Amino acid sequence: MKTLGDYEMPQGVDPERVITHSLYCGRCGYNLRYQTYVGLCSECGNPYNARPLIMQGIFMPHAMRLPFLDMLVALLCLATAYFLIRHGLNPVVAWQLYAGGFFALIGFVHVVLSIRTLGHFFRFRRVLGRIRAENG
């Protein structure tokens, strides 16, 4: 068997196609070292591609953020929609109602994006905690 440091490679696996440094699964935080560049996480089954220009399914701490901008856009759009719809009802002004509906739609889309990004952020924190515990 070929060896890579103190790790013995399985038969038929080329050492040049194996991750030689610590990269972590983006879903569970499992260390993908000595795994092939493309595959499934052996702990949670998350598909990953660790090729340098692709990096999908890999934990990347610099890519995580809180959704402040999405929340701000949602708040501004919903406030504008409320104002336009409220003033477009008495007397009825069609353009204000249409514009209010448009702003309400954009606001609700950003609310959904904010909630989704918050879910990703909390998963990021959980994975980061696991990685810190593993690295001591």
N, C-alpha and C. Protein backbone atom coordinates (compact mmCIF):
# COMPACT_ATOMS: atom_id res chain seq x y z
N MET A 1 0.83 -1.19 0.00
CA MET A 1 0.00 0.00 0.00
C MET A 1 0.87 1.25 0.00
N LYS A 2 0.41 2.27 -0.69
CA LYS A 2 1.11 3.56 -0.68
C LYS A 2 0.80 4.27 0.63
N THR A 3 1.74 5.06 1.10
CA THR A 3 1.51 5.81 2.33
C THR A 3 1.57 7.30 2.04
N LEU A 4 0.86 8.05 2.83
CA LEU A 4 0.86 9.50 2.76
C LEU A 4 1.06 9.97 4.19
N GLY A 5 2.31 10.24 4.55
CA GLY A 5 2.59 10.55 5.94
C GLY A 5 2.43 9.27 6.75
N ASP A 6 1.59 9.31 7.77
CA ASP A 6 1.34 8.12 8.58
C ASP A 6 0.03 7.43 8.18
N TYR A 7 -0.55 7.84 7.07
CA TYR A 7 -1.82 7.30 6.61
C TYR A 7 -1.56 6.33 5.46
N GLU A 8 -2.13 5.13 5.54
CA GLU A 8 -1.99 4.16 4.47
C GLU A 8 -3.14 4.30 3.49
N MET A 9 -2.80 4.49 2.22
CA MET A 9 -3.80 4.68 1.18
C MET A 9 -4.39 3.34 0.78
N PRO A 10 -5.70 3.27 0.54
CA PRO A 10 -6.29 2.04 0.03
C PRO A 10 -5.75 1.72 -1.36
N GLN A 11 -5.86 0.48 -1.76
CA GLN A 11 -5.41 0.06 -3.09
C GLN A 11 -6.17 0.81 -4.16
N GLY A 12 -5.48 1.23 -5.21
CA GLY A 12 -6.11 1.84 -6.36
C GLY A 12 -6.41 3.33 -6.20
N VAL A 13 -6.00 3.96 -5.11
CA VAL A 13 -6.25 5.39 -4.92
C VAL A 13 -4.95 6.13 -5.17
N ASP A 14 -4.97 7.08 -6.09
CA ASP A 14 -3.80 7.88 -6.43
C ASP A 14 -3.60 8.96 -5.36
N PRO A 15 -2.41 9.04 -4.73
CA PRO A 15 -2.19 10.04 -3.69
C PRO A 15 -2.35 11.48 -4.16
N GLU A 16 -2.23 11.71 -5.47
CA GLU A 16 -2.40 13.06 -5.98
C GLU A 16 -3.88 13.46 -6.06
N ARG A 17 -4.78 12.52 -5.89
CA ARG A 17 -6.21 12.81 -5.94
C ARG A 17 -6.84 12.80 -4.55
N VAL A 18 -6.03 12.97 -3.53
CA VAL A 18 -6.50 12.91 -2.15
C VAL A 18 -6.23 14.24 -1.48
N ILE A 19 -7.15 14.68 -0.64
CA ILE A 19 -6.99 15.91 0.13
C ILE A 19 -5.93 15.66 1.20
N THR A 20 -4.88 16.46 1.20
CA THR A 20 -3.77 16.22 2.12
C THR A 20 -3.75 17.18 3.31
N HIS A 21 -4.68 18.10 3.38
CA HIS A 21 -4.74 19.04 4.50
C HIS A 21 -6.17 19.05 5.05
N SER A 22 -6.37 19.73 6.15
CA SER A 22 -7.68 19.73 6.79
C SER A 22 -8.67 20.60 6.02
N LEU A 23 -9.70 19.97 5.50
CA LEU A 23 -10.87 20.63 4.93
C LEU A 23 -12.06 19.98 5.60
N TYR A 24 -13.08 20.77 5.88
CA TYR A 24 -14.20 20.26 6.66
C TYR A 24 -15.49 20.27 5.84
N CYS A 25 -16.33 19.29 6.11
CA CYS A 25 -17.64 19.20 5.47
C CYS A 25 -18.46 20.43 5.84
N GLY A 26 -19.15 21.00 4.87
CA GLY A 26 -19.95 22.19 5.11
C GLY A 26 -21.22 21.92 5.90
N ARG A 27 -21.65 20.67 5.99
CA ARG A 27 -22.87 20.34 6.73
C ARG A 27 -22.60 19.90 8.16
N CYS A 28 -21.61 19.01 8.35
CA CYS A 28 -21.43 18.44 9.69
C CYS A 28 -20.08 18.76 10.32
N GLY A 29 -19.12 19.27 9.55
CA GLY A 29 -17.82 19.62 10.10
C GLY A 29 -16.82 18.48 10.13
N TYR A 30 -17.12 17.37 9.51
CA TYR A 30 -16.21 16.22 9.47
C TYR A 30 -14.96 16.59 8.69
N ASN A 31 -13.79 16.19 9.19
CA ASN A 31 -12.52 16.47 8.52
C ASN A 31 -12.38 15.55 7.30
N LEU A 32 -12.26 16.13 6.12
CA LEU A 32 -12.21 15.37 4.87
C LEU A 32 -10.78 15.01 4.45
N ARG A 33 -9.80 15.22 5.33
CA ARG A 33 -8.42 14.88 5.00
C ARG A 33 -8.33 13.40 4.65
N TYR A 34 -7.54 13.10 3.63
CA TYR A 34 -7.30 11.76 3.09
C TYR A 34 -8.52 11.19 2.37
N GLN A 35 -9.49 12.03 2.07
CA GLN A 35 -10.61 11.62 1.22
C GLN A 35 -10.30 12.09 -0.20
N THR A 36 -11.00 11.55 -1.19
CA THR A 36 -10.79 12.01 -2.56
C THR A 36 -11.35 13.42 -2.71
N TYR A 37 -10.90 14.12 -3.75
CA TYR A 37 -11.32 15.52 -3.95
C TYR A 37 -12.82 15.66 -4.21
N VAL A 38 -13.43 14.66 -4.80
CA VAL A 38 -14.86 14.70 -5.09
C VAL A 38 -15.48 13.46 -4.48
N GLY A 39 -16.56 13.66 -3.73
CA GLY A 39 -17.21 12.50 -3.13
C GLY A 39 -18.31 12.90 -2.17
N LEU A 40 -18.66 11.97 -1.29
CA LEU A 40 -19.67 12.19 -0.27
C LEU A 40 -18.99 12.14 1.08
N CYS A 41 -19.43 13.02 1.98
CA CYS A 41 -18.91 13.00 3.35
C CYS A 41 -19.23 11.64 3.95
N SER A 42 -18.23 11.01 4.55
CA SER A 42 -18.46 9.67 5.09
C SER A 42 -19.27 9.70 6.38
N GLU A 43 -19.51 10.89 6.95
CA GLU A 43 -20.30 10.97 8.18
C GLU A 43 -21.76 11.33 7.91
N CYS A 44 -22.01 12.34 7.06
CA CYS A 44 -23.40 12.79 6.86
C CYS A 44 -23.91 12.59 5.44
N GLY A 45 -23.04 12.22 4.49
CA GLY A 45 -23.48 11.98 3.12
C GLY A 45 -23.58 13.24 2.27
N ASN A 46 -23.12 14.38 2.77
CA ASN A 46 -23.15 15.64 2.02
C ASN A 46 -22.19 15.54 0.83
N PRO A 47 -22.68 15.82 -0.40
CA PRO A 47 -21.76 15.80 -1.54
C PRO A 47 -20.80 16.99 -1.45
N TYR A 48 -19.54 16.76 -1.81
CA TYR A 48 -18.56 17.83 -1.79
C TYR A 48 -17.67 17.73 -3.01
N ASN A 49 -17.06 18.85 -3.37
CA ASN A 49 -16.09 18.92 -4.44
C ASN A 49 -15.00 19.86 -3.96
N ALA A 50 -13.85 19.32 -3.59
CA ALA A 50 -12.78 20.11 -2.99
C ALA A 50 -11.73 20.55 -4.01
N ARG A 51 -12.04 20.49 -5.28
CA ARG A 51 -11.10 21.02 -6.27
C ARG A 51 -10.97 22.52 -6.04
N PRO A 52 -9.76 23.06 -6.14
CA PRO A 52 -9.52 24.45 -5.74
C PRO A 52 -10.43 25.50 -6.37
N LEU A 53 -10.85 25.35 -7.60
CA LEU A 53 -11.69 26.37 -8.21
C LEU A 53 -13.18 26.14 -7.99
N ILE A 54 -13.56 25.02 -7.41
CA ILE A 54 -14.98 24.71 -7.23
C ILE A 54 -15.41 24.86 -5.77
N MET A 55 -14.83 24.08 -4.87
CA MET A 55 -15.07 24.16 -3.42
C MET A 55 -16.57 24.20 -3.06
N GLN A 56 -17.31 23.19 -3.45
CA GLN A 56 -18.72 23.09 -3.08
C GLN A 56 -18.88 22.07 -1.97
N GLY A 57 -19.72 22.38 -0.99
CA GLY A 57 -19.97 21.47 0.11
C GLY A 57 -18.86 21.47 1.15
N ILE A 58 -17.96 22.44 1.05
CA ILE A 58 -16.81 22.55 1.95
C ILE A 58 -17.07 23.71 2.90
N PHE A 59 -16.69 23.54 4.17
CA PHE A 59 -16.84 24.58 5.18
C PHE A 59 -15.87 25.72 4.87
N MET A 60 -16.42 26.92 4.64
CA MET A 60 -15.61 28.09 4.36
C MET A 60 -16.04 29.23 5.28
N PRO A 61 -15.30 29.45 6.37
CA PRO A 61 -15.72 30.43 7.37
C PRO A 61 -15.84 31.85 6.84
N HIS A 62 -15.06 32.23 5.83
CA HIS A 62 -15.14 33.59 5.31
C HIS A 62 -16.42 33.84 4.52
N ALA A 63 -17.14 32.79 4.14
CA ALA A 63 -18.34 32.95 3.33
C ALA A 63 -19.61 33.13 4.16
N MET A 64 -19.53 33.04 5.48
CA MET A 64 -20.73 33.13 6.31
C MET A 64 -20.92 34.54 6.83
N ARG A 65 -22.18 34.95 6.85
CA ARG A 65 -22.51 36.29 7.31
C ARG A 65 -23.90 36.29 7.92
N LEU A 66 -24.16 37.28 8.74
CA LEU A 66 -25.52 37.48 9.23
C LEU A 66 -26.29 38.27 8.18
N PRO A 67 -27.59 38.07 8.06
CA PRO A 67 -28.36 38.69 6.98
C PRO A 67 -28.84 40.12 7.28
N PHE A 68 -27.93 40.97 7.74
CA PHE A 68 -28.34 42.34 8.07
C PHE A 68 -28.90 43.09 6.86
N LEU A 69 -28.25 42.97 5.71
CA LEU A 69 -28.71 43.68 4.53
C LEU A 69 -30.08 43.19 4.08
N ASP A 70 -30.29 41.88 4.09
CA ASP A 70 -31.60 41.33 3.71
C ASP A 70 -32.69 41.80 4.67
N MET A 71 -32.37 41.83 5.97
CA MET A 71 -33.36 42.29 6.94
C MET A 71 -33.68 43.77 6.75
N LEU A 72 -32.66 44.57 6.43
CA LEU A 72 -32.88 46.00 6.20
C LEU A 72 -33.74 46.22 4.96
N VAL A 73 -33.43 45.52 3.88
CA VAL A 73 -34.23 45.65 2.65
C VAL A 73 -35.66 45.21 2.91
N ALA A 74 -35.85 44.11 3.64
CA ALA A 74 -37.19 43.63 3.96
C ALA A 74 -37.96 44.68 4.76
N LEU A 75 -37.32 45.25 5.76
CA LEU A 75 -37.98 46.26 6.59
C LEU A 75 -38.37 47.49 5.77
N LEU A 76 -37.45 47.98 4.95
CA LEU A 76 -37.74 49.17 4.13
C LEU A 76 -38.84 48.89 3.10
N CYS A 77 -38.78 47.74 2.45
CA CYS A 77 -39.80 47.42 1.44
C CYS A 77 -41.17 47.22 2.07
N LEU A 78 -41.23 46.54 3.22
CA LEU A 78 -42.53 46.33 3.86
C LEU A 78 -43.10 47.64 4.41
N ALA A 79 -42.25 48.52 4.92
CA ALA A 79 -42.73 49.83 5.38
C ALA A 79 -43.23 50.66 4.21
N THR A 80 -42.52 50.63 3.10
CA THR A 80 -42.97 51.35 1.90
C THR A 80 -44.28 50.76 1.38
N ALA A 81 -44.39 49.44 1.38
CA ALA A 81 -45.62 48.79 0.92
C ALA A 81 -46.79 49.19 1.81
N TYR A 82 -46.59 49.20 3.11
CA TYR A 82 -47.65 49.59 4.04
C TYR A 82 -48.11 51.01 3.76
N PHE A 83 -47.15 51.92 3.60
CA PHE A 83 -47.48 53.32 3.33
C PHE A 83 -48.25 53.46 2.01
N LEU A 84 -47.78 52.82 0.95
CA LEU A 84 -48.44 52.95 -0.36
C LEU A 84 -49.84 52.33 -0.35
N ILE A 85 -49.99 51.17 0.24
CA ILE A 85 -51.30 50.51 0.25
C ILE A 85 -52.27 51.28 1.13
N ARG A 86 -51.81 51.75 2.28
CA ARG A 86 -52.69 52.50 3.19
C ARG A 86 -53.21 53.78 2.53
N HIS A 87 -52.32 54.50 1.85
CA HIS A 87 -52.74 55.75 1.21
C HIS A 87 -53.39 55.52 -0.15
N GLY A 88 -53.27 54.33 -0.70
CA GLY A 88 -53.91 54.03 -1.98
C GLY A 88 -55.33 53.50 -1.84
N LEU A 89 -55.80 53.28 -0.59
CA LEU A 89 -57.14 52.74 -0.39
C LEU A 89 -58.22 53.80 -0.25
N ASN A 90 -57.90 54.97 0.26
CA ASN A 90 -58.93 55.98 0.50
C ASN A 90 -58.42 57.34 0.03
N PRO A 91 -58.80 57.83 -1.10
CA PRO A 91 -59.54 57.20 -2.20
C PRO A 91 -58.65 56.19 -2.93
N VAL A 92 -59.28 55.31 -3.66
CA VAL A 92 -58.55 54.25 -4.35
C VAL A 92 -57.69 54.84 -5.45
N VAL A 93 -56.41 54.57 -5.37
CA VAL A 93 -55.44 54.99 -6.39
C VAL A 93 -54.71 53.72 -6.84
N ALA A 94 -54.99 53.32 -8.06
CA ALA A 94 -54.51 52.02 -8.55
C ALA A 94 -52.99 51.91 -8.54
N TRP A 95 -52.29 52.92 -8.99
CA TRP A 95 -50.84 52.81 -9.09
C TRP A 95 -50.19 52.62 -7.72
N GLN A 96 -50.79 53.25 -6.68
CA GLN A 96 -50.24 53.08 -5.34
C GLN A 96 -50.47 51.65 -4.83
N LEU A 97 -51.63 51.08 -5.16
CA LEU A 97 -51.91 49.71 -4.76
C LEU A 97 -50.98 48.72 -5.48
N TYR A 98 -50.77 48.93 -6.78
CA TYR A 98 -49.85 48.06 -7.52
C TYR A 98 -48.41 48.19 -7.00
N ALA A 99 -47.98 49.43 -6.80
CA ALA A 99 -46.62 49.65 -6.29
C ALA A 99 -46.48 49.06 -4.88
N GLY A 100 -47.51 49.22 -4.05
CA GLY A 100 -47.48 48.65 -2.71
C GLY A 100 -47.39 47.13 -2.75
N GLY A 101 -48.12 46.51 -3.65
CA GLY A 101 -48.06 45.06 -3.81
C GLY A 101 -46.68 44.61 -4.26
N PHE A 102 -46.07 45.38 -5.17
CA PHE A 102 -44.73 45.05 -5.63
C PHE A 102 -43.72 45.13 -4.49
N PHE A 103 -43.78 46.22 -3.70
CA PHE A 103 -42.86 46.37 -2.58
C PHE A 103 -43.11 45.30 -1.51
N ALA A 104 -44.37 44.92 -1.31
CA ALA A 104 -44.67 43.86 -0.34
C ALA A 104 -44.06 42.54 -0.80
N LEU A 105 -44.16 42.24 -2.08
CA LEU A 105 -43.58 41.01 -2.62
C LEU A 105 -42.06 40.99 -2.41
N ILE A 106 -41.40 42.09 -2.76
CA ILE A 106 -39.95 42.17 -2.57
C ILE A 106 -39.59 42.03 -1.09
N GLY A 107 -40.38 42.67 -0.22
CA GLY A 107 -40.13 42.58 1.21
C GLY A 107 -40.27 41.16 1.73
N PHE A 108 -41.31 40.45 1.30
CA PHE A 108 -41.49 39.07 1.76
C PHE A 108 -40.40 38.14 1.24
N VAL A 109 -39.93 38.38 0.01
CA VAL A 109 -38.82 37.58 -0.52
C VAL A 109 -37.59 37.77 0.36
N HIS A 110 -37.32 39.01 0.77
CA HIS A 110 -36.15 39.26 1.61
C HIS A 110 -36.34 38.72 3.03
N VAL A 111 -37.56 38.65 3.51
CA VAL A 111 -37.81 38.02 4.81
C VAL A 111 -37.45 36.53 4.72
N VAL A 112 -37.88 35.88 3.65
CA VAL A 112 -37.57 34.46 3.47
C VAL A 112 -36.06 34.26 3.33
N LEU A 113 -35.39 35.12 2.56
CA LEU A 113 -33.93 35.02 2.42
C LEU A 113 -33.23 35.22 3.77
N SER A 114 -33.74 36.14 4.59
CA SER A 114 -33.15 36.37 5.91
C SER A 114 -33.29 35.15 6.80
N ILE A 115 -34.45 34.54 6.79
CA ILE A 115 -34.69 33.36 7.62
C ILE A 115 -33.79 32.21 7.16
N ARG A 116 -33.67 32.04 5.85
CA ARG A 116 -32.82 30.98 5.31
C ARG A 116 -31.35 31.22 5.67
N THR A 117 -30.89 32.46 5.54
CA THR A 117 -29.50 32.78 5.86
C THR A 117 -29.24 32.61 7.35
N LEU A 118 -30.21 32.93 8.20
CA LEU A 118 -30.05 32.71 9.63
C LEU A 118 -29.89 31.22 9.94
N GLY A 119 -30.66 30.38 9.25
CA GLY A 119 -30.51 28.94 9.43
C GLY A 119 -29.12 28.47 9.05
N HIS A 120 -28.59 28.99 7.93
CA HIS A 120 -27.23 28.64 7.52
C HIS A 120 -26.21 29.16 8.53
N PHE A 121 -26.46 30.34 9.09
CA PHE A 121 -25.53 30.90 10.07
C PHE A 121 -25.46 30.04 11.32
N PHE A 122 -26.62 29.58 11.82
CA PHE A 122 -26.61 28.74 13.02
C PHE A 122 -25.97 27.38 12.75
N ARG A 123 -26.15 26.81 11.54
CA ARG A 123 -25.46 25.58 11.18
C ARG A 123 -23.95 25.84 11.11
N PHE A 124 -23.56 26.97 10.57
CA PHE A 124 -22.16 27.38 10.52
C PHE A 124 -21.56 27.43 11.92
N ARG A 125 -22.28 28.01 12.87
CA ARG A 125 -21.77 28.10 14.25
C ARG A 125 -21.60 26.71 14.87
N ARG A 126 -22.55 25.80 14.58
CA ARG A 126 -22.46 24.44 15.10
C ARG A 126 -21.24 23.71 14.52
N VAL A 127 -21.02 23.85 13.21
CA VAL A 127 -19.88 23.21 12.56
C VAL A 127 -18.58 23.81 13.09
N LEU A 128 -18.55 25.13 13.25
CA LEU A 128 -17.35 25.79 13.77
C LEU A 128 -17.03 25.29 15.18
N GLY A 129 -18.05 25.09 16.00
CA GLY A 129 -17.84 24.55 17.35
C GLY A 129 -17.24 23.16 17.30
N ARG A 130 -17.72 22.33 16.38
CA ARG A 130 -17.18 20.98 16.25
C ARG A 130 -15.71 21.01 15.82
N ILE A 131 -15.40 21.90 14.87
CA ILE A 131 -14.02 21.98 14.37
C ILE A 131 -13.10 22.47 15.49
N ARG A 132 -13.53 23.45 16.25
CA ARG A 132 -12.71 23.95 17.35
C ARG A 132 -12.50 22.88 18.42
N ALA A 133 -13.54 22.10 18.70
CA ALA A 133 -13.41 21.02 19.69
C ALA A 133 -12.44 19.94 19.20
N GLU A 134 -12.49 19.65 17.90
CA GLU A 134 -11.60 18.64 17.32
C GLU A 134 -10.14 19.11 17.35
N ASN A 135 -9.93 20.39 17.06
CA ASN A 135 -8.56 20.91 17.00
C ASN A 135 -8.03 21.30 18.37
N GLY A 136 -8.89 21.28 19.38
CA GLY A 136 -8.50 21.51 20.76
C GLY A 136 -8.11 22.92 20.99
